[in-house]
Amino acid sequence: MGQAGDLGREFSDSHFPGKVRVVVSPCGMEEGVVDGAVGEAADGRSVTAKVLAMLAAFTPTTPALTLSELARRAGISLPTAHRRARELLEWGALERDGDGRYRVGLRLWEVASLAPRGLRLREVAMPFLEDLYEVTHENVQLAVREGLELVFVERIAGRHAVPVLTRVGGRFALHATGVGLALLAHAPVEVQEQALTAPLHAYTVKTVTDPERLRSMLAATRRDGYVVSDGQVTTDALSVAAPIREGGEVVAAVSLVVRAEGAQPLALAPLVQAAARGISRSLGPGR
C-alpha cells in the first residue's frame, strides 16, 4: 500500500479511539490505515461476528466491493474492516481484483464445498442428474431445505433450455419452486405452518400465495410423489419436482425445469421420479 503523501486525508471515526488515515492506493482504491490506539469497534459484537458480517456483505449483485463499501455493508468501522480484510486476504477467504476491489476467495469455496449435506449428496446424485439431462436436455436442479428457504446444491443448465433464476449456492423461497414445494410438503408440520403463515411473495401473477391452496398442493405432492410448479417463478418456465429420501426421511429434491409452453408435465413426472428414486437408493438407509 502506498504512502499517504498528498493523497491521504484524516478523519475521526466514532467507533475508534484514534485517527484513521484514508490512503488512496496507486490503483485509485481507498485503504484505511490506523494511527494511534488500536482496538476493535465497541459495538458489542465479537471479532467472529464482524468477519461473518463482512463475508455476508457480498451478494450475487455485488460480488466486488471496495474497502469503504465492505465496512459500510458490514456495519463496522473502516480501520476494523482494514484489519479483518488483511487477515482474510492472507488466509484466502478474500481476493482482490486488478482494480483493488475485494471478492470472495477460492479458499472459502474450498471449505464450503465440504459441507456434508452438499458434498455427499452431490456426489451420489450427479450420475442421475446427468442421465436426466441426457434424456431431456432441459434444466436439472438439486436442492435441500435450510430453514424456510431452499439452497440449490447442484444444477445442470440446458444449452437451449428456458433461462432460470438459480445458481449453485443460491437460496429461494419454498412456496414457489418445484423443489421448494417438494421439500415443504415433507417438512415438519411446524415448518409448514411457519412458511404458510409468513408473507408469501408473488414472483408472477401465477404464484400461489393463498395458504389454503398451498396446503392442498402440499397434500397432493405427498399423495402423488411429485409436484408441478407452472409459471410461479417466471411465466415462461414449468418445473416438475420429486423428493429424495435417505432412511425414509426427505433430505433433498430434484427437478426438471422446461418451457411452460407446450410442456407435458405428466410425461416428465416419471422421469423425475425415477431420478429421485435412484438417488434415494444410492444414499442408502441412512445413518
Protein backbone atom coordinates (compact mmCIF):
# COMPACT_ATOMS: atom_id res chain seq x y z
CA MET A 1 0.00 0.00 0.00
CA GLY A 2 1.40 3.40 -0.93
CA GLN A 3 2.23 6.23 1.43
CA ALA A 4 -0.38 8.85 2.23
CA GLY A 5 1.52 11.83 0.92
CA ASP A 6 -0.75 14.31 -0.82
CA LEU A 7 -3.32 11.56 -1.39
CA GLY A 8 -4.04 10.99 2.31
CA ARG A 9 -6.74 12.54 4.46
CA GLU A 10 -7.53 12.08 8.13
CA PHE A 11 -10.82 11.84 9.94
CA SER A 12 -12.11 10.75 13.33
CA ASP A 13 -14.05 7.51 13.50
CA SER A 14 -16.74 7.36 16.18
CA HIS A 15 -16.06 3.64 16.66
CA PHE A 16 -12.31 4.04 17.00
CA PRO A 17 -10.30 5.88 19.67
CA GLY A 18 -7.75 7.49 17.39
CA LYS A 19 -7.17 8.85 13.92
CA VAL A 20 -7.95 6.98 10.73
CA ARG A 21 -5.94 7.85 7.68
CA VAL A 22 -7.54 7.03 4.33
CA VAL A 23 -4.91 6.36 1.72
CA VAL A 24 -5.65 6.20 -1.97
CA SER A 25 -3.62 3.36 -3.40
CA PRO A 26 -1.87 3.57 -6.80
CA CYS A 27 -4.87 1.87 -8.42
CA GLY A 28 -7.19 4.52 -7.02
CA MET A 29 -8.83 2.46 -4.27
CA GLU A 30 -9.24 3.73 -0.70
CA GLU A 31 -7.42 1.96 2.14
CA GLY A 32 -7.92 2.56 5.85
CA VAL A 33 -4.79 2.93 7.97
CA VAL A 34 -4.91 3.32 11.73
CA ASP A 35 -2.92 6.00 13.54
CA GLY A 36 -2.77 5.90 17.33
CA ALA A 37 -4.53 3.41 19.55
CA VAL A 38 -5.51 0.01 18.23
CA GLY A 39 -8.80 -1.69 19.05
CA GLU A 40 -11.99 -3.17 17.69
CA ALA A 41 -15.21 -1.23 17.25
CA ALA A 42 -17.00 -1.01 20.57
CA ASP A 43 -20.37 -2.13 19.26
CA GLY A 44 -20.66 -5.28 21.36
CA ARG A 45 -20.03 -7.70 18.51
CA SER A 46 -17.27 -10.28 18.60
CA VAL A 47 -14.47 -10.40 16.04
CA THR A 48 -16.10 -13.50 14.55
CA ALA A 49 -19.42 -11.69 14.13
CA LYS A 50 -17.68 -8.83 12.33
CA VAL A 51 -15.82 -11.18 9.99
CA LEU A 52 -19.04 -13.02 9.17
CA ALA A 53 -20.76 -9.68 8.53
CA MET A 54 -18.00 -8.81 6.07
CA LEU A 55 -18.42 -12.08 4.20
CA ALA A 56 -22.20 -11.66 4.19
CA ALA A 57 -21.76 -8.26 2.54
CA PHE A 58 -21.07 -9.95 -0.80
CA THR A 59 -24.12 -10.85 -2.89
CA PRO A 60 -24.74 -12.09 -6.45
CA THR A 61 -25.45 -8.49 -7.48
CA THR A 62 -22.48 -7.05 -5.57
CA PRO A 63 -19.65 -9.61 -5.89
CA ALA A 64 -16.90 -6.98 -5.72
CA LEU A 65 -16.64 -4.27 -3.04
CA THR A 66 -14.24 -1.51 -2.08
CA LEU A 67 -12.98 -1.37 1.48
CA SER A 68 -15.35 1.50 2.27
CA GLU A 69 -18.31 -0.40 0.82
CA LEU A 70 -17.31 -3.52 2.75
CA ALA A 71 -17.14 -1.58 6.02
CA ARG A 72 -20.46 0.15 5.42
CA ARG A 73 -22.33 -3.02 4.45
CA ALA A 74 -20.88 -4.94 7.41
CA GLY A 75 -21.68 -2.11 9.82
CA ILE A 76 -18.11 -1.81 11.08
CA SER A 77 -15.53 0.95 11.17
CA LEU A 78 -13.04 1.45 8.38
CA PRO A 79 -9.97 0.50 10.46
CA THR A 80 -11.68 -2.67 11.67
CA ALA A 81 -12.57 -3.58 8.11
CA HIS A 82 -8.97 -2.94 7.05
CA ARG A 83 -7.52 -5.27 9.71
CA ARG A 84 -10.02 -8.06 9.14
CA ALA A 85 -9.77 -7.80 5.34
CA ARG A 86 -5.99 -8.11 5.54
CA GLU A 87 -6.30 -11.30 7.60
CA LEU A 88 -8.95 -12.71 5.26
CA LEU A 89 -6.71 -11.96 2.28
CA GLU A 90 -3.77 -13.74 3.90
CA TRP A 91 -5.89 -16.82 4.58
CA GLY A 92 -7.51 -16.81 1.14
CA ALA A 93 -11.11 -16.10 2.15
CA LEU A 94 -10.93 -12.85 0.17
CA GLU A 95 -9.12 -11.94 -3.03
CA ARG A 96 -8.52 -8.61 -4.77
CA ASP A 97 -9.22 -7.62 -8.36
CA GLY A 98 -6.81 -5.76 -10.53
CA ASP A 99 -8.66 -2.57 -9.61
CA GLY A 100 -8.28 -3.30 -5.89
CA ARG A 101 -11.83 -4.38 -5.09
CA TYR A 102 -12.41 -7.32 -2.76
CA ARG A 103 -14.09 -10.56 -3.81
CA VAL A 104 -14.83 -13.88 -2.11
CA GLY A 105 -11.72 -16.03 -2.31
CA LEU A 106 -11.29 -19.53 -3.66
CA ARG A 107 -10.21 -20.86 -0.25
CA LEU A 108 -13.67 -20.07 1.12
CA TRP A 109 -15.28 -22.03 -1.71
CA GLU A 110 -12.99 -24.97 -0.97
CA VAL A 111 -14.14 -25.05 2.65
CA ALA A 112 -17.83 -24.56 1.76
CA SER A 113 -17.70 -27.46 -0.69
CA LEU A 114 -17.02 -29.79 2.27
CA ALA A 115 -20.46 -29.17 3.80
CA PRO A 116 -21.63 -32.77 4.34
CA ARG A 117 -25.17 -32.35 3.02
CA GLY A 118 -23.92 -30.79 -0.19
CA LEU A 119 -20.79 -32.86 -0.76
CA ARG A 120 -22.10 -36.41 -0.39
CA LEU A 121 -25.47 -35.60 -1.90
CA ARG A 122 -23.91 -34.06 -5.00
CA GLU A 123 -21.51 -36.97 -5.47
CA VAL A 124 -24.31 -39.53 -5.20
CA ALA A 125 -26.83 -37.57 -7.24
CA MET A 126 -24.67 -36.41 -10.13
CA PRO A 127 -24.90 -39.58 -12.30
CA PHE A 128 -28.71 -39.46 -12.05
CA LEU A 129 -28.82 -35.74 -12.76
CA GLU A 130 -26.65 -36.29 -15.83
CA ASP A 131 -28.91 -39.13 -17.02
CA LEU A 132 -31.96 -36.90 -16.60
CA TYR A 133 -30.25 -34.16 -18.57
CA GLU A 134 -29.19 -36.53 -21.36
CA VAL A 135 -32.76 -37.77 -21.78
CA THR A 136 -34.32 -34.30 -21.83
CA HIS A 137 -31.58 -31.68 -22.46
CA GLU A 138 -33.50 -29.46 -20.04
CA ASN A 139 -32.50 -27.73 -16.80
CA VAL A 140 -31.92 -30.16 -13.93
CA GLN A 141 -31.75 -28.91 -10.33
CA LEU A 142 -30.94 -30.40 -6.93
CA ALA A 143 -31.85 -28.60 -3.70
CA VAL A 144 -32.04 -29.02 0.06
CA ARG A 145 -34.10 -27.19 2.66
CA GLU A 146 -32.42 -24.75 5.03
CA GLY A 147 -34.99 -23.39 7.45
CA LEU A 148 -37.71 -21.62 5.48
CA GLU A 149 -35.63 -21.46 2.31
CA LEU A 150 -34.11 -23.88 -0.14
CA VAL A 151 -30.48 -23.95 -1.25
CA PHE A 152 -29.52 -25.18 -4.69
CA VAL A 153 -26.57 -27.56 -4.32
CA GLU A 154 -26.26 -28.59 -7.97
CA ARG A 155 -27.71 -27.73 -11.37
CA ILE A 156 -27.17 -28.64 -14.99
CA ALA A 157 -28.26 -25.96 -17.46
CA GLY A 158 -29.58 -27.00 -20.84
CA ARG A 159 -27.88 -25.13 -23.67
CA HIS A 160 -31.16 -24.27 -25.37
CA ALA A 161 -33.38 -24.64 -22.31
CA VAL A 162 -35.51 -21.93 -20.74
CA PRO A 163 -33.43 -19.49 -18.63
CA VAL A 164 -33.78 -19.98 -14.87
CA LEU A 165 -33.12 -17.70 -11.89
CA THR A 166 -30.99 -20.19 -9.98
CA ARG A 167 -27.34 -20.75 -9.20
CA VAL A 168 -25.45 -23.28 -7.11
CA GLY A 169 -25.39 -21.94 -3.55
CA GLY A 170 -28.33 -19.65 -4.24
CA ARG A 171 -31.36 -19.50 -1.95
CA PHE A 172 -35.03 -19.26 -2.81
CA ALA A 173 -38.41 -19.29 -1.11
CA LEU A 174 -40.03 -22.69 -0.65
CA HIS A 175 -43.56 -21.87 -1.79
CA ALA A 176 -42.97 -21.09 -5.48
CA THR A 177 -40.44 -23.51 -6.98
CA GLY A 178 -40.97 -27.18 -7.72
CA VAL A 179 -38.11 -28.32 -5.49
CA GLY A 180 -39.29 -25.95 -2.77
CA LEU A 181 -42.82 -27.34 -2.79
CA ALA A 182 -41.49 -30.92 -2.75
CA LEU A 183 -39.32 -30.09 0.27
CA LEU A 184 -42.04 -28.14 2.08
CA ALA A 185 -44.57 -30.94 1.57
CA HIS A 186 -42.35 -33.28 3.60
CA ALA A 187 -41.09 -30.76 6.16
CA PRO A 188 -42.23 -30.96 9.79
CA VAL A 189 -45.73 -29.58 10.36
CA GLU A 190 -44.42 -26.64 12.37
CA VAL A 191 -42.12 -25.66 9.49
CA GLN A 192 -45.04 -25.85 7.04
CA GLU A 193 -47.18 -23.63 9.25
CA GLN A 194 -44.36 -21.17 9.75
CA ALA A 195 -43.83 -20.95 6.00
CA LEU A 196 -47.52 -20.66 5.12
CA THR A 197 -48.33 -18.04 7.75
CA ALA A 198 -45.43 -15.80 6.75
CA PRO A 199 -45.85 -13.19 3.98
CA LEU A 200 -45.63 -15.05 0.66
CA HIS A 201 -44.02 -13.19 -2.23
CA ALA A 202 -45.72 -13.36 -5.64
CA TYR A 203 -42.98 -13.66 -8.28
CA THR A 204 -45.54 -13.72 -11.10
CA VAL A 205 -49.31 -13.49 -11.47
CA LYS A 206 -49.36 -17.30 -11.28
CA THR A 207 -47.51 -17.60 -7.96
CA VAL A 208 -49.76 -19.30 -5.41
CA THR A 209 -49.80 -17.23 -2.22
CA ASP A 210 -53.07 -18.43 -0.67
CA PRO A 211 -52.19 -20.64 2.34
CA GLU A 212 -55.21 -22.95 1.93
CA ARG A 213 -54.48 -23.55 -1.73
CA LEU A 214 -50.85 -24.23 -0.89
CA ARG A 215 -51.88 -26.74 1.78
CA SER A 216 -53.90 -28.58 -0.87
CA MET A 217 -50.88 -28.56 -3.21
CA LEU A 218 -48.64 -29.95 -0.48
CA ALA A 219 -51.14 -32.73 0.28
CA ALA A 220 -51.30 -33.61 -3.43
CA THR A 221 -47.49 -33.67 -3.56
CA ARG A 222 -47.35 -36.20 -0.74
CA ARG A 223 -50.07 -38.28 -2.42
CA ASP A 224 -48.68 -38.22 -5.98
CA GLY A 225 -44.96 -38.28 -5.23
CA TYR A 226 -44.23 -35.24 -7.38
CA VAL A 227 -45.31 -31.62 -7.83
CA VAL A 228 -45.69 -29.23 -10.77
CA SER A 229 -44.92 -25.53 -10.45
CA ASP A 230 -46.26 -23.79 -13.55
CA GLY A 231 -45.10 -20.22 -14.18
CA GLN A 232 -44.73 -19.44 -10.48
CA VAL A 233 -41.18 -18.06 -10.64
CA THR A 234 -41.09 -16.91 -14.27
CA THR A 235 -44.14 -17.21 -16.50
CA ASP A 236 -42.21 -18.99 -19.26
CA ALA A 237 -40.97 -21.88 -17.08
CA LEU A 238 -42.58 -25.01 -15.67
CA SER A 239 -40.95 -27.21 -13.04
CA VAL A 240 -41.60 -30.85 -12.16
CA ALA A 241 -40.00 -31.97 -8.89
CA ALA A 242 -39.82 -35.06 -6.69
CA PRO A 243 -38.47 -35.69 -3.18
CA ILE A 244 -35.28 -37.59 -2.42
CA ARG A 245 -35.18 -39.77 0.70
CA GLU A 246 -32.48 -41.11 2.95
CA GLY A 247 -33.57 -43.60 5.56
CA GLY A 248 -37.21 -42.74 4.89
CA GLU A 249 -36.66 -39.03 5.54
CA VAL A 250 -36.84 -36.47 2.73
CA VAL A 251 -33.43 -34.82 2.56
CA ALA A 252 -33.49 -33.15 -0.87
CA ALA A 253 -35.48 -32.70 -4.06
CA VAL A 254 -34.71 -32.92 -7.76
CA SER A 255 -36.47 -31.05 -10.53
CA LEU A 256 -36.66 -30.60 -14.26
CA VAL A 257 -37.37 -27.06 -15.50
CA VAL A 258 -38.73 -26.70 -19.03
CA ARG A 259 -40.50 -24.11 -21.15
CA ALA A 260 -44.08 -23.79 -19.98
CA GLU A 261 -45.45 -23.50 -23.50
CA GLY A 262 -46.12 -26.98 -24.80
CA ALA A 263 -44.83 -28.69 -21.65
CA GLN A 264 -46.20 -32.14 -20.77
CA PRO A 265 -45.71 -32.49 -17.01
CA LEU A 266 -47.45 -35.88 -16.86
CA ALA A 267 -44.84 -37.25 -19.25
CA LEU A 268 -41.95 -35.61 -17.38
CA ALA A 269 -43.01 -36.68 -13.89
CA PRO A 270 -41.97 -40.37 -14.26
CA LEU A 271 -38.50 -39.30 -15.41
CA VAL A 272 -38.02 -37.00 -12.41
CA GLN A 273 -39.41 -39.62 -10.01
CA ALA A 274 -37.06 -42.26 -11.44
CA ALA A 275 -34.09 -39.96 -10.84
CA ALA A 276 -35.28 -39.26 -7.28
CA ARG A 277 -35.69 -43.00 -6.57
CA GLY A 278 -32.23 -43.72 -7.96
CA ILE A 279 -30.60 -41.07 -5.79
CA SER A 280 -32.57 -42.29 -2.75
CA ARG A 281 -31.41 -45.88 -3.27
CA SER A 282 -27.80 -44.76 -3.65
CA LEU A 283 -27.96 -42.69 -0.47
CA GLY A 284 -28.86 -45.88 1.37
CA PRO A 285 -30.90 -46.48 4.51
CA GLY A 286 -29.47 -43.51 6.38
CA ARG A 287 -27.27 -43.26 9.41
